[in-house]
Amino acid sequence: MERQKGKEEGGLALGEVVIQEEESLSLLLGTQGEDLCTQEEGGEFVGMEHQDDVLGAGPPKKVLSDDHLAVEIPETAHQISQDSWFQVGFVLTTGINSAYVLGYSGTVMLPLGWLGGVLGLILATAISLYANALVAKLHEFGGKRHIRYRDLARAIYGQKAYSLTWGLQYVNLFMINVGYIILAGQALKAVYVLYSDDHVMKLPYFIALAGLGCGLFAISIPHLSALRIWLGFSTLFSLIYIVIAFALALKDGIEAPPRDYSIAGTKSSRFFTTVGAVANLVFAFNTGMLPEIQATVRQPVVSNMMKALYFQFTVGVLPMYAITFIGYWAYGSNTQTYLLNSVSGPAWVKTLANIAAFLQTVIALHIFASPMYEYLDTKFNIKGSALAFRNLSFRIGVRGGYLGITTFIAALLPFLGDFMSLTGAFSTFPLTFILANHMYLVAKKNKLTSMQKSWHWLNVCFFGLLAVLAAISALRLIAVDSKTYHIFADL
């Protein structure tokens, strides 16, 4: 047995690498030599432990990267390197098959038609997998794990890019969460109108109730890794509303007369709605927080994250494809932006689907709000027991306040399709496609051929143009809807 001892600057011990005759590797961190990594057959690290249950606590730690080089772990108040690739794959799939899928028949297929919608979804799937893979492969760039998107941008570009990326990311996540609360409110209202037609309860009231539910859940779940069993519930809820919506739409489509699948509008209006639908396509697949999700996966982080991405873009997309296509097939040009408002069937069945959609939305919103929570918890040193008075009161005040603002915006402007287009234009395009390709180009510039460099520059320019057009289209749609509907509209 051979031992190598390393020292940090200042003389602090940062670990021992123990190499055994069977060529198995484990990493010992800290001055007390605690075993942080275990190994399964095939040589992959499968687990990490820490006495404080937070790997980022205390002085910087180091672990082995995929190529067995020491990689520094930054400080964070949340858990990292705790989850299997399968759990992370379910986190990603939860985002894809959230209640947003009930809107894609109306927001994607309706403006694009059969040819554009089907080809668009397939191309968006392939392009999104490619772009996410680029970001995943940069996770350990420069010998340090980048557990936040903004940290990765700073490592590649510098401090100015850190601030810009942070702004884009939180605008992206905030707008996604606004959409989630609108969806949750629509689901609750859909249950109400099944049993009452007095119109006493308006959509803004249900959005307020949805915001309250999301706030209570956010207070109860301290960090992303703590979702665990809730991911199972999320999958169950997704299956409930997807299966019910699919079955009811199939029945309606079989019984209905021939549908009209023509794309309505003038040439100019169709151009803007088409561009908006393209923004919705990329919105469907991309989180804008891939490094934050990758931070939770166990070593080796790159190969495990790629497994999670392959799971997301194969098995994970099938339910979304099914519900999107069946909804448009069944109702054609009459498809609504919330599919459960289009289907007909027993009230109790539709109630079950809408309640499942509401509950799944509460869980999915927590995923997209977690980068904000991680930043605030780390900044104010919120560590230790989740039930400690200081930690609990902090979550009540800070997370409750954040979701209160989100709920107010959702009730003020409840135009779901417009928010999806605007989010895709202002943040999803830049974060997931433009920045991903350019970061990879800069980080790997000495290892790329001229052909590869040209390919990445083509992506940067193409998606930059799409982002500008999508932003113009989304703002136009919001302006049109604002003339049609007043603020706090009951849609």
Protein backbone atom coordinates (compact mmCIF):
# COMPACT_ATOMS: atom_id res chain seq x y z
CA MET A 1 0.00 0.00 0.00
CA GLU A 2 1.28 3.39 -1.00
CA ARG A 3 0.26 6.67 0.66
CA GLN A 4 0.52 10.17 -0.64
CA LYS A 5 -0.20 13.10 1.66
CA GLY A 6 -1.14 16.50 0.27
CA LYS A 7 -1.00 19.91 1.90
CA GLU A 8 -3.15 23.00 1.23
CA GLU A 9 -1.58 26.43 1.25
CA GLY A 10 -0.92 27.29 4.86
CA GLY A 11 -0.01 23.72 5.76
CA LEU A 12 -3.48 22.28 6.38
CA ALA A 13 -3.90 18.61 5.50
CA LEU A 14 -6.39 18.17 2.70
CA GLY A 15 -6.48 14.40 2.42
CA GLU A 16 -4.79 11.12 1.75
CA VAL A 17 -5.11 9.07 -1.40
CA VAL A 18 -4.89 5.39 -0.68
CA ILE A 19 -4.02 3.13 -3.63
CA GLN A 20 -4.66 -0.55 -3.05
CA GLU A 21 -3.31 -3.49 -5.06
CA GLU A 22 -6.74 -4.12 -6.62
CA GLU A 23 -6.55 -0.53 -7.95
CA SER A 24 -9.62 0.51 -5.94
CA LEU A 25 -9.65 4.17 -4.87
CA SER A 26 -11.10 5.93 -1.89
CA LEU A 27 -10.59 9.50 -0.75
CA LEU A 28 -9.89 10.46 2.85
CA LEU A 29 -10.75 14.07 3.73
CA GLY A 30 -10.25 16.19 6.84
CA THR A 31 -7.66 16.06 9.57
CA GLN A 32 -9.29 13.04 11.20
CA GLY A 33 -9.12 10.93 8.03
CA GLU A 34 -12.87 10.27 7.66
CA ASP A 35 -13.84 7.98 4.80
CA LEU A 36 -15.95 10.06 2.43
CA CYS A 37 -16.13 7.90 -0.69
CA THR A 38 -16.98 4.26 -1.06
CA GLN A 39 -16.65 2.25 -4.22
CA GLU A 40 -18.96 -0.12 -6.00
CA GLU A 41 -18.03 -2.77 -8.57
CA GLY A 42 -16.79 -1.15 -11.74
CA GLY A 43 -14.82 1.50 -9.88
CA GLU A 44 -17.49 4.20 -9.46
CA PHE A 45 -17.86 6.13 -6.23
CA VAL A 46 -21.29 5.54 -4.72
CA GLY A 47 -21.50 7.53 -1.55
CA MET A 48 -20.18 10.32 0.64
CA GLU A 49 -20.47 11.06 4.32
CA HIS A 50 -19.57 13.99 6.51
CA GLN A 51 -19.93 14.48 10.22
CA ASP A 52 -21.92 17.71 9.69
CA ASP A 53 -23.96 16.15 6.86
CA VAL A 54 -22.90 19.11 4.70
CA LEU A 55 -19.91 18.52 2.46
CA GLY A 56 -19.34 22.19 1.80
CA ALA A 57 -19.05 23.12 5.48
CA GLY A 58 -15.70 24.23 6.87
CA PRO A 59 -12.45 24.55 4.91
CA PRO A 60 -12.48 23.61 1.19
CA LYS A 61 -12.49 19.85 0.67
CA LYS A 62 -11.23 17.88 -2.31
CA VAL A 63 -12.52 14.76 -4.02
CA LEU A 64 -11.41 12.75 -7.01
CA SER A 65 -12.77 13.77 -10.40
CA ASP A 66 -13.71 11.37 -13.20
CA ASP A 67 -10.07 11.31 -14.29
CA HIS A 68 -8.87 10.76 -10.67
CA LEU A 69 -7.54 14.31 -10.22
CA ALA A 70 -8.22 16.20 -7.00
CA VAL A 71 -11.15 18.63 -7.37
CA GLU A 72 -12.06 21.27 -4.80
CA ILE A 73 -15.60 21.46 -3.38
CA PRO A 74 -16.85 25.01 -2.66
CA GLU A 75 -18.62 25.96 0.53
CA THR A 76 -22.41 25.62 0.65
CA ALA A 77 -25.08 25.30 3.33
CA HIS A 78 -26.87 22.61 1.33
CA GLN A 79 -25.95 18.99 0.75
CA ILE A 80 -23.93 18.04 -2.31
CA SER A 81 -22.64 14.73 -3.73
CA GLN A 82 -25.35 12.82 -1.89
CA ASP A 83 -27.69 11.52 -4.61
CA SER A 84 -27.53 8.71 -7.14
CA TRP A 85 -27.76 9.47 -10.85
CA PHE A 86 -31.17 7.78 -10.83
CA GLN A 87 -32.53 10.21 -8.23
CA VAL A 88 -31.08 13.15 -10.17
CA GLY A 89 -32.67 11.73 -13.32
CA PHE A 90 -36.04 11.85 -11.58
CA VAL A 91 -35.41 15.47 -10.55
CA LEU A 92 -34.85 16.33 -14.22
CA THR A 93 -37.84 14.26 -15.35
CA THR A 94 -40.04 15.98 -12.78
CA GLY A 95 -39.23 19.27 -14.50
CA ILE A 96 -40.10 17.92 -17.95
CA ASN A 97 -43.36 16.25 -16.92
CA SER A 98 -44.62 18.95 -14.58
CA ALA A 99 -48.11 20.36 -15.08
CA TYR A 100 -46.64 22.53 -17.84
CA VAL A 101 -47.12 19.51 -20.16
CA LEU A 102 -50.86 20.16 -19.98
CA GLY A 103 -50.24 23.39 -21.90
CA TYR A 104 -47.99 22.25 -24.74
CA SER A 105 -50.84 21.13 -27.00
CA GLY A 106 -52.09 24.71 -27.02
CA THR A 107 -48.83 26.66 -26.78
CA VAL A 108 -46.63 24.53 -29.07
CA MET A 109 -48.77 22.43 -31.40
CA LEU A 110 -51.50 24.99 -32.05
CA PRO A 111 -49.16 27.67 -33.51
CA LEU A 112 -46.88 25.17 -35.33
CA GLY A 113 -49.31 22.54 -36.62
CA TRP A 114 -48.53 18.86 -37.05
CA LEU A 115 -45.38 19.14 -39.16
CA GLY A 116 -43.78 22.01 -37.27
CA GLY A 117 -44.86 20.73 -33.86
CA VAL A 118 -43.63 17.15 -34.25
CA LEU A 119 -40.34 18.08 -35.93
CA GLY A 120 -39.87 20.94 -33.48
CA LEU A 121 -40.23 18.70 -30.43
CA ILE A 122 -37.83 16.10 -31.80
CA LEU A 123 -35.22 18.71 -32.75
CA ALA A 124 -35.63 20.53 -29.42
CA THR A 125 -35.05 17.23 -27.61
CA ALA A 126 -31.81 16.51 -29.46
CA ILE A 127 -30.48 20.09 -29.26
CA SER A 128 -31.34 20.39 -25.57
CA LEU A 129 -29.57 17.12 -24.72
CA TYR A 130 -26.49 18.35 -26.57
CA ALA A 131 -26.48 21.76 -24.85
CA ASN A 132 -27.02 20.28 -21.38
CA ALA A 133 -24.23 17.78 -21.99
CA LEU A 134 -21.82 20.65 -22.76
CA VAL A 135 -22.59 22.29 -19.42
CA ALA A 136 -22.38 18.96 -17.55
CA LYS A 137 -18.89 18.28 -18.93
CA LEU A 138 -17.63 21.62 -17.59
CA HIS A 139 -18.71 20.88 -14.01
CA GLU A 140 -15.13 20.26 -12.80
CA PHE A 141 -13.44 22.87 -14.99
CA GLY A 142 -10.15 24.19 -13.59
CA GLY A 143 -9.89 21.67 -10.76
CA LYS A 144 -12.95 22.89 -8.87
CA ARG A 145 -16.56 21.73 -8.78
CA HIS A 146 -18.87 24.50 -9.95
CA ILE A 147 -22.08 23.85 -8.06
CA ARG A 148 -23.73 27.03 -9.31
CA TYR A 149 -24.16 28.22 -12.89
CA ARG A 150 -22.76 31.65 -12.01
CA ASP A 151 -19.64 30.08 -10.46
CA LEU A 152 -18.94 28.23 -13.70
CA ALA A 153 -19.37 31.44 -15.71
CA ARG A 154 -16.94 33.29 -13.40
CA ALA A 155 -14.34 30.53 -13.69
CA ILE A 156 -14.44 30.77 -17.48
CA TYR A 157 -15.06 34.49 -18.11
CA GLY A 158 -14.47 36.46 -14.91
CA GLN A 159 -16.49 38.46 -12.36
CA LYS A 160 -18.65 40.43 -14.83
CA ALA A 161 -19.97 37.20 -16.33
CA TYR A 162 -20.71 35.98 -12.80
CA SER A 163 -23.11 38.87 -12.18
CA LEU A 164 -24.71 38.66 -15.63
CA THR A 165 -25.26 34.91 -15.42
CA TRP A 166 -26.68 35.23 -11.93
CA GLY A 167 -29.16 37.85 -13.11
CA LEU A 168 -30.25 35.80 -16.12
CA GLN A 169 -30.61 32.65 -14.08
CA TYR A 170 -32.74 34.10 -11.35
CA VAL A 171 -34.97 35.92 -13.82
CA ASN A 172 -35.38 32.56 -15.55
CA LEU A 173 -36.18 30.65 -12.38
CA PHE A 174 -38.44 33.38 -11.02
CA MET A 175 -40.52 33.43 -14.21
CA ILE A 176 -40.73 29.63 -14.27
CA ASN A 177 -42.02 29.74 -10.70
CA VAL A 178 -44.57 32.43 -11.63
CA GLY A 179 -45.82 30.05 -14.32
CA TYR A 180 -45.99 27.17 -11.83
CA ILE A 181 -48.17 29.16 -9.46
CA ILE A 182 -50.44 30.19 -12.34
CA LEU A 183 -50.75 26.50 -13.26
CA ALA A 184 -51.47 25.49 -9.68
CA GLY A 185 -54.14 28.18 -9.44
CA GLN A 186 -55.72 27.06 -12.72
CA ALA A 187 -55.84 23.48 -11.45
CA LEU A 188 -57.64 24.53 -8.26
CA LYS A 189 -60.06 26.72 -10.20
CA ALA A 190 -60.79 23.85 -12.60
CA VAL A 191 -61.89 21.74 -9.61
CA TYR A 192 -64.09 24.58 -8.34
CA VAL A 193 -65.94 25.11 -11.63
CA LEU A 194 -66.69 21.40 -11.85
CA TYR A 195 -69.04 21.77 -8.89
CA SER A 196 -70.06 25.43 -8.92
CA ASP A 197 -70.89 28.01 -11.59
CA ASP A 198 -71.45 31.01 -9.30
CA HIS A 199 -68.12 32.63 -10.30
CA VAL A 200 -67.66 33.91 -6.74
CA MET A 201 -64.13 32.50 -6.56
CA LYS A 202 -61.87 34.07 -9.18
CA LEU A 203 -58.54 32.80 -10.55
CA PRO A 204 -56.47 35.27 -8.44
CA TYR A 205 -57.98 33.76 -5.28
CA PHE A 206 -56.92 30.27 -6.33
CA ILE A 207 -53.46 31.56 -7.26
CA ALA A 208 -53.20 32.93 -3.71
CA LEU A 209 -54.16 29.54 -2.28
CA ALA A 210 -51.62 27.86 -4.55
CA GLY A 211 -48.92 30.26 -3.36
CA LEU A 212 -49.75 29.40 0.25
CA GLY A 213 -49.42 25.68 -0.47
CA CYS A 214 -46.07 26.19 -2.20
CA GLY A 215 -44.85 28.28 0.72
CA LEU A 216 -45.70 25.62 3.30
CA PHE A 217 -43.89 22.98 1.25
CA ALA A 218 -40.82 25.21 0.80
CA ILE A 219 -40.60 25.75 4.56
CA SER A 220 -40.82 21.99 5.19
CA ILE A 221 -38.11 20.87 2.71
CA PRO A 222 -34.70 22.37 3.63
CA HIS A 223 -32.77 21.56 0.43
CA LEU A 224 -32.93 19.81 -2.93
CA SER A 225 -31.55 16.45 -1.78
CA ALA A 226 -34.24 16.27 0.91
CA LEU A 227 -36.93 15.81 -1.75
CA ARG A 228 -36.14 12.06 -2.06
CA ILE A 229 -39.53 10.40 -1.38
CA TRP A 230 -41.33 13.46 -2.74
CA LEU A 231 -39.83 12.70 -6.15
CA GLY A 232 -41.72 9.41 -6.03
CA PHE A 233 -44.93 11.26 -5.20
CA SER A 234 -44.18 13.74 -7.97
CA THR A 235 -43.87 10.90 -10.49
CA LEU A 236 -47.13 9.39 -9.24
CA PHE A 237 -48.98 12.70 -9.52
CA SER A 238 -47.57 13.24 -13.03
CA LEU A 239 -48.75 9.82 -14.13
CA ILE A 240 -52.22 10.47 -12.72
CA TYR A 241 -52.91 13.67 -14.63
CA ILE A 242 -51.10 12.54 -17.78
CA VAL A 243 -52.91 9.19 -17.95
CA ILE A 244 -56.29 10.75 -17.19
CA ALA A 245 -55.82 13.60 -19.68
CA PHE A 246 -54.57 11.14 -22.32
CA ALA A 247 -57.50 8.75 -21.82
CA LEU A 248 -60.17 11.47 -21.81
CA ALA A 249 -58.66 13.23 -24.83
CA LEU A 250 -58.46 9.93 -26.69
CA LYS A 251 -62.14 9.26 -25.97
CA ASP A 252 -63.12 12.76 -27.05
CA GLY A 253 -61.05 12.49 -30.22
CA ILE A 254 -62.62 9.17 -31.23
CA GLU A 255 -66.15 10.48 -30.67
CA ALA A 256 -65.62 13.96 -32.17
CA PRO A 257 -66.21 14.92 -35.83
CA PRO A 258 -63.18 15.80 -38.02
CA ARG A 259 -61.13 18.60 -36.44
CA ASP A 260 -59.64 21.73 -37.96
CA TYR A 261 -55.84 21.72 -37.73
CA SER A 262 -55.23 24.90 -39.70
CA ILE A 263 -53.05 27.61 -38.17
CA ALA A 264 -55.11 30.75 -37.66
CA GLY A 265 -54.02 34.35 -38.09
CA THR A 266 -52.47 36.67 -40.65
CA LYS A 267 -48.96 36.12 -42.01
CA SER A 268 -47.44 38.66 -39.62
CA SER A 269 -49.29 37.34 -36.56
CA ARG A 270 -48.42 33.76 -37.49
CA PHE A 271 -44.76 34.72 -37.69
CA PHE A 272 -44.78 36.02 -34.12
CA THR A 273 -46.81 33.11 -32.76
CA THR A 274 -44.44 30.67 -34.49
CA VAL A 275 -41.39 32.32 -32.93
CA GLY A 276 -43.15 32.29 -29.55
CA ALA A 277 -43.89 28.58 -29.96
CA VAL A 278 -40.21 27.91 -30.70
CA ALA A 279 -39.35 29.63 -27.41
CA ASN A 280 -41.89 27.36 -25.71
CA LEU A 281 -40.18 24.34 -27.26
CA VAL A 282 -36.85 25.09 -25.59
CA PHE A 283 -38.63 26.11 -22.38
CA ALA A 284 -40.09 22.60 -22.22
CA PHE A 285 -36.71 20.89 -21.89
CA ASN A 286 -34.35 23.19 -20.04
CA THR A 287 -33.98 24.01 -16.39
CA GLY A 288 -31.47 26.87 -16.41
CA MET A 289 -29.96 25.33 -13.27
CA LEU A 290 -28.09 22.26 -14.46
CA PRO A 291 -24.92 22.88 -12.34
CA GLU A 292 -27.09 23.23 -9.22
CA ILE A 293 -28.75 19.88 -9.94
CA GLN A 294 -25.42 18.28 -10.88
CA ALA A 295 -24.02 19.41 -7.53
CA THR A 296 -26.24 16.88 -5.77
CA VAL A 297 -25.01 13.85 -7.73
CA ARG A 298 -22.36 11.50 -6.34
CA GLN A 299 -18.87 11.06 -7.73
CA PRO A 300 -17.98 10.63 -10.52
CA VAL A 301 -20.16 13.65 -11.22
CA VAL A 302 -19.74 13.98 -14.98
CA SER A 303 -20.44 10.39 -15.97
CA ASN A 304 -23.28 10.10 -13.45
CA MET A 305 -24.83 13.34 -14.71
CA MET A 306 -24.67 12.09 -18.28
CA LYS A 307 -26.59 8.97 -17.20
CA ALA A 308 -29.24 11.22 -15.62
CA LEU A 309 -29.47 13.32 -18.80
CA TYR A 310 -29.84 10.25 -21.01
CA PHE A 311 -32.63 9.07 -18.71
CA GLN A 312 -34.31 12.48 -18.89
CA PHE A 313 -34.18 12.71 -22.69
CA THR A 314 -35.30 9.12 -23.41
CA VAL A 315 -37.69 7.70 -20.83
CA GLY A 316 -38.45 11.10 -19.37
CA VAL A 317 -39.76 12.73 -22.56
CA LEU A 318 -42.20 9.96 -23.55
CA PRO A 319 -45.11 11.06 -21.29
CA MET A 320 -44.69 14.66 -22.44
CA TYR A 321 -44.73 13.61 -26.09
CA ALA A 322 -47.83 11.48 -25.58
CA ILE A 323 -49.95 14.13 -23.85
CA THR A 324 -48.84 16.91 -26.23
CA PHE A 325 -49.74 15.00 -29.40
CA ILE A 326 -52.99 13.45 -28.15
CA GLY A 327 -54.29 16.80 -26.95
CA TYR A 328 -53.78 18.47 -30.31
CA TRP A 329 -55.14 15.44 -32.19
CA ALA A 330 -58.34 15.40 -30.11
CA TYR A 331 -59.23 19.10 -30.24
CA GLY A 332 -57.28 20.65 -33.12
CA SER A 333 -57.56 24.43 -33.33
CA ASN A 334 -59.87 24.43 -30.28
CA THR A 335 -57.16 23.14 -27.95
CA GLN A 336 -56.92 25.25 -24.80
CA THR A 337 -53.71 26.25 -23.05
CA TYR A 338 -54.68 24.07 -20.07
CA LEU A 339 -55.66 20.69 -21.52
CA LEU A 340 -57.83 19.59 -18.60
CA ASN A 341 -60.19 22.46 -19.49
CA SER A 342 -60.72 20.85 -22.92
CA VAL A 343 -61.41 17.24 -21.90
CA SER A 344 -64.84 15.90 -21.04
CA GLY A 345 -65.54 13.09 -18.60
CA PRO A 346 -66.77 12.26 -15.07
CA ALA A 347 -66.33 15.11 -12.63
CA TRP A 348 -64.54 12.97 -10.07
CA VAL A 349 -61.97 11.83 -12.64
CA LYS A 350 -61.23 15.39 -13.72
CA THR A 351 -61.06 16.41 -10.06
CA LEU A 352 -58.45 13.73 -9.39
CA ALA A 353 -56.38 14.89 -12.37
CA ASN A 354 -56.50 18.54 -11.34
CA ILE A 355 -55.63 17.83 -7.71
CA ALA A 356 -52.69 15.70 -8.89
CA ALA A 357 -51.58 18.57 -11.17
CA PHE A 358 -51.74 21.00 -8.25
CA LEU A 359 -49.73 18.76 -5.91
CA GLN A 360 -47.08 17.98 -8.53
CA THR A 361 -46.69 21.68 -9.25
CA VAL A 362 -45.97 22.38 -5.59
CA ILE A 363 -43.09 19.86 -5.69
CA ALA A 364 -41.75 21.01 -9.08
CA LEU A 365 -41.70 24.67 -8.04
CA HIS A 366 -39.46 23.78 -5.10
CA ILE A 367 -36.85 22.40 -7.51
CA PHE A 368 -36.70 25.62 -9.51
CA ALA A 369 -36.66 27.80 -6.39
CA SER A 370 -33.84 25.83 -4.75
CA PRO A 371 -30.92 27.90 -6.21
CA MET A 372 -32.37 31.00 -4.54
CA TYR A 373 -32.80 29.09 -1.29
CA GLU A 374 -29.23 27.72 -1.48
CA TYR A 375 -27.79 31.20 -2.02
CA LEU A 376 -29.67 32.71 0.92
CA ASP A 377 -29.04 29.76 3.26
CA THR A 378 -25.31 29.86 2.48
CA LYS A 379 -25.06 33.65 2.80
CA PHE A 380 -26.72 33.67 6.22
CA ASN A 381 -25.07 30.42 7.42
CA ILE A 382 -28.28 28.41 7.80
CA LYS A 383 -26.87 24.99 8.71
CA GLY A 384 -27.60 22.16 11.07
CA SER A 385 -31.02 20.84 12.05
CA ALA A 386 -33.85 21.97 9.78
CA LEU A 387 -36.07 22.25 12.88
CA ALA A 388 -33.75 24.56 14.81
CA PHE A 389 -35.62 27.75 15.71
CA ARG A 390 -33.28 30.07 13.79
CA ASN A 391 -33.32 27.89 10.67
CA LEU A 392 -37.08 27.37 10.71
CA SER A 393 -37.88 31.02 11.31
CA PHE A 394 -35.45 32.01 8.53
CA ARG A 395 -37.20 29.73 6.04
CA ILE A 396 -40.61 31.02 7.08
CA GLY A 397 -39.59 34.64 6.63
CA VAL A 398 -37.32 34.49 3.59
CA ARG A 399 -38.91 31.70 1.55
CA GLY A 400 -42.37 32.89 2.49
CA GLY A 401 -41.49 36.40 1.32
CA TYR A 402 -40.00 35.16 -1.97
CA LEU A 403 -43.06 33.07 -2.78
CA GLY A 404 -45.34 35.90 -1.68
CA ILE A 405 -43.82 38.15 -4.35
CA THR A 406 -43.99 35.33 -6.90
CA THR A 407 -47.66 34.73 -6.11
CA PHE A 408 -48.52 38.42 -6.43
CA ILE A 409 -46.95 38.61 -9.92
CA ALA A 410 -48.75 35.41 -10.95
CA ALA A 411 -52.12 36.81 -9.87
CA LEU A 412 -51.40 40.20 -11.44
CA LEU A 413 -50.55 38.84 -14.93
CA PRO A 414 -51.88 35.28 -15.25
CA PHE A 415 -51.03 34.86 -18.97
CA LEU A 416 -49.35 31.45 -18.91
CA GLY A 417 -48.42 31.05 -22.57
CA ASP A 418 -46.93 34.54 -22.69
CA PHE A 419 -44.78 33.86 -19.63
CA MET A 420 -43.47 30.66 -21.19
CA SER A 421 -42.47 32.55 -24.36
CA LEU A 422 -40.90 35.42 -22.43
CA THR A 423 -38.93 33.06 -20.19
CA GLY A 424 -37.65 31.14 -23.19
CA ALA A 425 -36.57 34.35 -24.92
CA PHE A 426 -34.91 36.27 -22.09
CA SER A 427 -33.25 33.51 -20.14
CA THR A 428 -33.63 29.95 -21.48
CA PHE A 429 -32.07 30.74 -24.87
CA PRO A 430 -29.11 32.66 -23.39
CA LEU A 431 -28.45 30.28 -20.48
CA THR A 432 -28.97 26.92 -22.12
CA PHE A 433 -27.88 27.44 -25.71
CA ILE A 434 -25.88 30.64 -26.20
CA LEU A 435 -23.89 30.52 -22.97
CA ALA A 436 -23.47 26.72 -23.00
CA ASN A 437 -21.92 26.70 -26.48
CA HIS A 438 -19.74 29.76 -25.86
CA MET A 439 -18.51 28.55 -22.45
CA TYR A 440 -17.52 25.23 -23.97
CA LEU A 441 -15.81 27.06 -26.83
CA VAL A 442 -13.75 29.20 -24.45
CA ALA A 443 -12.98 26.42 -21.97
CA LYS A 444 -11.90 23.90 -24.61
CA LYS A 445 -10.53 26.27 -27.26
CA ASN A 446 -7.09 24.63 -27.33
CA LYS A 447 -8.60 21.17 -27.77
CA LEU A 448 -11.17 21.94 -30.49
CA THR A 449 -10.62 21.69 -34.23
CA SER A 450 -11.50 24.62 -36.50
CA MET A 451 -14.61 22.72 -37.60
CA GLN A 452 -15.75 22.27 -33.99
CA LYS A 453 -15.12 25.95 -33.24
CA SER A 454 -17.18 26.96 -36.28
CA TRP A 455 -20.00 24.69 -35.14
CA HIS A 456 -20.17 26.27 -31.69
CA TRP A 457 -20.02 29.79 -33.13
CA LEU A 458 -22.88 28.89 -35.49
CA ASN A 459 -24.95 27.80 -32.49
CA VAL A 460 -24.15 30.98 -30.59
CA CYS A 461 -25.22 33.21 -33.50
CA PHE A 462 -28.30 31.19 -34.44
CA PHE A 463 -29.73 31.01 -30.92
CA GLY A 464 -28.81 34.65 -30.32
CA LEU A 465 -30.97 35.63 -33.30
CA LEU A 466 -33.80 33.37 -32.08
CA ALA A 467 -33.61 34.90 -28.61
CA VAL A 468 -34.06 38.43 -30.02
CA LEU A 469 -37.00 37.39 -32.22
CA ALA A 470 -38.61 35.42 -29.37
CA ALA A 471 -38.31 38.38 -26.99
CA ILE A 472 -40.05 40.68 -29.50
CA SER A 473 -42.76 38.08 -30.06
CA ALA A 474 -43.37 37.51 -26.33
CA LEU A 475 -43.59 41.22 -25.55
CA ARG A 476 -46.03 41.66 -28.44
CA LEU A 477 -48.21 38.81 -27.13
CA ILE A 478 -48.24 40.29 -23.63
CA ALA A 479 -49.20 43.69 -25.03
CA VAL A 480 -52.08 42.15 -27.02
CA ASP A 481 -53.32 40.14 -24.05
CA SER A 482 -53.04 43.15 -21.76
CA LYS A 483 -55.51 44.98 -24.02
CA THR A 484 -57.88 42.02 -23.92
CA TYR A 485 -57.63 41.22 -20.21
CA HIS A 486 -57.29 43.48 -17.19
CA ILE A 487 -54.84 42.89 -14.36
CA PHE A 488 -55.84 40.17 -11.86
CA ALA A 489 -57.87 38.68 -14.73
CA ASP A 490 -60.16 35.72 -14.13
CA LEU A 491 -59.09 33.57 -17.09
